[in-house]
Amino acid sequence: MIIVVGADGSDRSIVALRRAIQFADAWGAQLHVVHVMHIPSSLLGALSQVPTDLASLEQAQRQMVWNVIDPVIEGAPVDMERVDLDGYPADAIVEYAKKVKADLIVVGSRGRGELAALVLGSTSHRIVHISPCDVLVVKAPFE
């Protein structure tokens, strides 16, 4: 069994990650912890006016997120893979889940994009609608 969990470093994604670890341990499943880097095109346009090293900015952002995730997954009693992807988070997570033939996707009910979710819809909502496998949307705090 393969479980894919989306993690963006937000409090809700950490709750989802802990729940996914719990299920992977109970079911003897392999866990794929997926972080998706998404830089909106509007921000890319703004950054093009400022001399920046986009690759360095992306790497720094990824490292900040993994600095939050790593203490949660360190020492977890499950077979685990860390995965970095680029793109729109919902689409990237679902495409990755298809690629690895995941049995379950676990996501938090809301992540870092609260304002964007009001306008565009949440990542978890989109995943539920386009996923070929079961999806667990974690809402409650981990206990």
C-alpha atoms as a PDB file:
ATOM      1  CA  MET A   1       0.000   0.000   0.000  1.00  0.00           C
ATOM      2  CA  ILE A   2       1.210   3.514  -0.827  1.00  0.00           C
ATOM      3  CA  ILE A   3       0.068   6.689   0.922  1.00  0.00           C
ATOM      4  CA  VAL A   4       0.909  10.109  -0.518  1.00  0.00           C
ATOM      5  CA  VAL A   5       0.710  13.053   1.872  1.00  0.00           C
ATOM      6  CA  GLY A   6       0.919  16.670   0.775  1.00  0.00           C
ATOM      7  CA  ALA A   7       2.970  18.847   3.114  1.00  0.00           C
ATOM      8  CA  ASP A   8       3.572  22.584   2.816  1.00  0.00           C
ATOM      9  CA  GLY A   9       4.832  23.218   6.338  1.00  0.00           C
ATOM     10  CA  SER A  10       1.562  24.778   7.521  1.00  0.00           C
ATOM     11  CA  ASP A  11       0.033  23.697  10.827  1.00  0.00           C
ATOM     12  CA  ARG A  12      -2.778  21.828   9.070  1.00  0.00           C
ATOM     13  CA  SER A  13      -0.377  19.990   6.766  1.00  0.00           C
ATOM     14  CA  ILE A  14       1.654  18.892   9.793  1.00  0.00           C
ATOM     15  CA  VAL A  15      -1.537  17.518  11.360  1.00  0.00           C
ATOM     16  CA  ALA A  16      -2.226  15.649   8.099  1.00  0.00           C
ATOM     17  CA  LEU A  17       1.366  14.384   8.028  1.00  0.00           C
ATOM     18  CA  ARG A  18       1.083  13.008  11.556  1.00  0.00           C
ATOM     19  CA  ARG A  19      -2.188  11.293  10.650  1.00  0.00           C
ATOM     20  CA  ALA A  20      -0.600   9.810   7.500  1.00  0.00           C
ATOM     21  CA  ILE A  21       2.326   8.469   9.550  1.00  0.00           C
ATOM     22  CA  GLN A  22      -0.160   6.925  11.963  1.00  0.00           C
ATOM     23  CA  PHE A  23      -2.028   5.168   9.120  1.00  0.00           C
ATOM     24  CA  ALA A  24       1.155   4.079   7.330  1.00  0.00           C
ATOM     25  CA  ASP A  25       2.432   2.534  10.553  1.00  0.00           C
ATOM     26  CA  ALA A  26      -0.863   0.764  11.295  1.00  0.00           C
ATOM     27  CA  TRP A  27      -1.247  -0.556   7.734  1.00  0.00           C
ATOM     28  CA  GLY A  28       2.407  -1.261   6.944  1.00  0.00           C
ATOM     29  CA  ALA A  29       2.172   1.205   4.058  1.00  0.00           C
ATOM     30  CA  GLN A  30       4.912   3.119   2.307  1.00  0.00           C
ATOM     31  CA  LEU A  31       4.593   6.878   2.859  1.00  0.00           C
ATOM     32  CA  HIS A  32       5.537   9.483   0.249  1.00  0.00           C
ATOM     33  CA  VAL A  33       5.837  12.962   1.780  1.00  0.00           C
ATOM     34  CA  VAL A  34       5.320  15.432  -1.063  1.00  0.00           C
ATOM     35  CA  HIS A  35       6.095  19.141  -1.069  1.00  0.00           C
ATOM     36  CA  VAL A  36       5.098  21.125  -4.151  1.00  0.00           C
ATOM     37  CA  MET A  37       6.813  24.407  -4.974  1.00  0.00           C
ATOM     38  CA  HIS A  38       4.396  26.771  -6.695  1.00  0.00           C
ATOM     39  CA  ILE A  39       5.337  30.286  -7.667  1.00  0.00           C
ATOM     40  CA  PRO A  40       2.303  32.086  -9.130  1.00  0.00           C
ATOM     41  CA  SER A  41       2.860  33.594 -12.569  1.00  0.00           C
ATOM     42  CA  SER A  42       1.925  37.029 -11.198  1.00  0.00           C
ATOM     43  CA  LEU A  43       4.817  36.792  -8.748  1.00  0.00           C
ATOM     44  CA  LEU A  44       7.174  35.576 -11.469  1.00  0.00           C
ATOM     45  CA  GLY A  45       6.275  38.675 -13.471  1.00  0.00           C
ATOM     46  CA  ALA A  46       7.055  40.915 -10.518  1.00  0.00           C
ATOM     47  CA  LEU A  47      10.314  39.092  -9.819  1.00  0.00           C
ATOM     48  CA  SER A  48      11.425  39.580 -13.417  1.00  0.00           C
ATOM     49  CA  GLN A  49      11.692  43.308 -12.624  1.00  0.00           C
ATOM     50  CA  VAL A  50      14.026  42.641  -9.699  1.00  0.00           C
ATOM     51  CA  PRO A  51      17.476  41.136 -10.150  1.00  0.00           C
ATOM     52  CA  THR A  52      17.111  37.837  -8.291  1.00  0.00           C
ATOM     53  CA  ASP A  53      18.380  34.318  -8.490  1.00  0.00           C
ATOM     54  CA  LEU A  54      15.075  32.456  -8.753  1.00  0.00           C
ATOM     55  CA  ALA A  55      16.703  29.055  -8.236  1.00  0.00           C
ATOM     56  CA  SER A  56      18.225  30.266  -4.959  1.00  0.00           C
ATOM     57  CA  LEU A  57      14.885  31.653  -3.799  1.00  0.00           C
ATOM     58  CA  GLU A  58      13.154  28.353  -4.613  1.00  0.00           C
ATOM     59  CA  GLN A  59      15.837  26.347  -2.816  1.00  0.00           C
ATOM     60  CA  ALA A  60      15.601  28.582   0.258  1.00  0.00           C
ATOM     61  CA  GLN A  61      11.802  28.202   0.314  1.00  0.00           C
ATOM     62  CA  ARG A  62      12.034  24.417  -0.028  1.00  0.00           C
ATOM     63  CA  GLN A  63      14.566  24.274   2.793  1.00  0.00           C
ATOM     64  CA  MET A  64      12.324  26.362   5.063  1.00  0.00           C
ATOM     65  CA  VAL A  65       9.442  23.944   4.480  1.00  0.00           C
ATOM     66  CA  TRP A  66      11.562  20.808   5.011  1.00  0.00           C
ATOM     67  CA  ASN A  67      12.967  22.360   8.208  1.00  0.00           C
ATOM     68  CA  VAL A  68       9.392  22.219   9.543  1.00  0.00           C
ATOM     69  CA  ILE A  69       8.566  18.783   8.101  1.00  0.00           C
ATOM     70  CA  ASP A  70      11.795  16.909   8.921  1.00  0.00           C
ATOM     71  CA  PRO A  71      11.409  16.926  12.728  1.00  0.00           C
ATOM     72  CA  VAL A  72       7.949  15.369  12.299  1.00  0.00           C
ATOM     73  CA  ILE A  73       9.101  12.553  10.010  1.00  0.00           C
ATOM     74  CA  GLU A  74      12.451  11.925  11.672  1.00  0.00           C
ATOM     75  CA  GLY A  75      12.369   8.572  13.401  1.00  0.00           C
ATOM     76  CA  ALA A  76       8.870   7.691  12.163  1.00  0.00           C
ATOM     77  CA  PRO A  77       8.475   3.899  12.132  1.00  0.00           C
ATOM     78  CA  VAL A  78       7.479   3.730   8.442  1.00  0.00           C
ATOM     79  CA  ASP A  79       9.114   3.292   5.041  1.00  0.00           C
ATOM     80  CA  MET A  80       9.178   6.856   3.759  1.00  0.00           C
ATOM     81  CA  GLU A  81      10.233   8.920   0.753  1.00  0.00           C
ATOM     82  CA  ARG A  82      10.674  12.704   0.607  1.00  0.00           C
ATOM     83  CA  VAL A  83       9.530  14.174  -2.711  1.00  0.00           C
ATOM     84  CA  ASP A  84       9.971  17.690  -4.118  1.00  0.00           C
ATOM     85  CA  LEU A  85       7.769  18.709  -7.036  1.00  0.00           C
ATOM     86  CA  ASP A  86       7.044  21.908  -8.943  1.00  0.00           C
ATOM     87  CA  GLY A  87       3.702  23.145 -10.230  1.00  0.00           C
ATOM     88  CA  TYR A  88       0.179  23.737  -9.041  1.00  0.00           C
ATOM     89  CA  PRO A  89      -0.020  21.729  -5.776  1.00  0.00           C
ATOM     90  CA  ALA A  90      -3.285  19.843  -6.366  1.00  0.00           C
ATOM     91  CA  ASP A  91      -2.377  18.799  -9.890  1.00  0.00           C
ATOM     92  CA  ALA A  92       1.200  17.874  -8.981  1.00  0.00           C
ATOM     93  CA  ILE A  93       0.115  15.757  -5.994  1.00  0.00           C
ATOM     94  CA  VAL A  94      -2.528  13.904  -8.018  1.00  0.00           C
ATOM     95  CA  GLU A  95      -0.155  13.299 -10.946  1.00  0.00           C
ATOM     96  CA  TYR A  96       2.460  11.972  -8.535  1.00  0.00           C
ATOM     97  CA  ALA A  97      -0.139   9.733  -6.862  1.00  0.00           C
ATOM     98  CA  LYS A  98      -1.056   8.328 -10.284  1.00  0.00           C
ATOM     99  CA  LYS A  99       2.608   7.747 -11.119  1.00  0.00           C
ATOM    100  CA  VAL A 100       3.286   5.737  -7.949  1.00  0.00           C
ATOM    101  CA  LYS A 101      -0.161   4.090  -8.001  1.00  0.00           C
ATOM    102  CA  ALA A 102      -1.054   5.471  -4.575  1.00  0.00           C
ATOM    103  CA  ASP A 103      -3.920   3.939  -2.645  1.00  0.00           C
ATOM    104  CA  LEU A 104      -4.578   7.045  -0.552  1.00  0.00           C
ATOM    105  CA  ILE A 105      -3.788  10.762  -0.614  1.00  0.00           C
ATOM    106  CA  VAL A 106      -3.781  12.591   2.731  1.00  0.00           C
ATOM    107  CA  VAL A 107      -4.001  16.394   2.883  1.00  0.00           C
ATOM    108  CA  GLY A 108      -4.884  19.069   5.400  1.00  0.00           C
ATOM    109  CA  SER A 109      -8.144  20.920   4.975  1.00  0.00           C
ATOM    110  CA  ARG A 110      -6.318  24.207   4.378  1.00  0.00           C
ATOM    111  CA  GLY A 111      -2.651  25.035   4.015  1.00  0.00           C
ATOM    112  CA  ARG A 112      -0.722  28.217   3.482  1.00  0.00           C
ATOM    113  CA  GLY A 113      -3.006  29.671   0.819  1.00  0.00           C
ATOM    114  CA  GLU A 114      -6.015  30.814   2.868  1.00  0.00           C
ATOM    115  CA  LEU A 115      -6.698  33.961   0.823  1.00  0.00           C
ATOM    116  CA  ALA A 116      -6.035  32.256  -2.505  1.00  0.00           C
ATOM    117  CA  ALA A 117      -8.370  29.428  -1.488  1.00  0.00           C
ATOM    118  CA  LEU A 118     -11.217  31.913  -1.104  1.00  0.00           C
ATOM    119  CA  VAL A 119     -10.744  33.063  -4.669  1.00  0.00           C
ATOM    120  CA  LEU A 120      -9.469  29.961  -6.457  1.00  0.00           C
ATOM    121  CA  GLY A 121     -10.650  27.065  -4.303  1.00  0.00           C
ATOM    122  CA  SER A 122      -8.576  24.990  -1.944  1.00  0.00           C
ATOM    123  CA  THR A 123      -5.928  22.470  -2.893  1.00  0.00           C
ATOM    124  CA  SER A 124      -7.689  19.779  -0.865  1.00  0.00           C
ATOM    125  CA  HIS A 125     -11.007  20.480  -2.616  1.00  0.00           C
ATOM    126  CA  ARG A 126      -9.407  20.108  -6.042  1.00  0.00           C
ATOM    127  CA  ILE A 127      -7.577  16.923  -5.036  1.00  0.00           C
ATOM    128  CA  VAL A 128     -10.832  15.351  -3.855  1.00  0.00           C
ATOM    129  CA  HIS A 129     -12.403  16.070  -7.240  1.00  0.00           C
ATOM    130  CA  ILE A 130      -9.571  14.958  -9.551  1.00  0.00           C
ATOM    131  CA  SER A 131      -7.920  12.128  -7.616  1.00  0.00           C
ATOM    132  CA  PRO A 132      -8.182   8.591  -8.968  1.00  0.00           C
ATOM    133  CA  CYS A 133      -7.750   7.160  -5.456  1.00  0.00           C
ATOM    134  CA  ASP A 134      -9.268   7.740  -2.032  1.00  0.00           C
ATOM    135  CA  VAL A 135      -8.502  11.056  -0.339  1.00  0.00           C
ATOM    136  CA  LEU A 136      -8.438  11.777   3.381  1.00  0.00           C
ATOM    137  CA  VAL A 137      -8.867  15.456   4.222  1.00  0.00           C
ATOM    138  CA  VAL A 138      -7.689  15.950   7.798  1.00  0.00           C
ATOM    139  CA  LYS A 139      -9.558  18.674   9.674  1.00  0.00           C
ATOM    140  CA  ALA A 140      -9.262  17.931  13.382  1.00  0.00           C
ATOM    141  CA  PRO A 141      -6.131  18.603  15.410  1.00  0.00           C
ATOM    142  CA  PHE A 142      -3.918  15.566  15.852  1.00  0.00           C
ATOM    143  CA  GLU A 143      -4.310  13.905  19.230  1.00  0.00           C
END
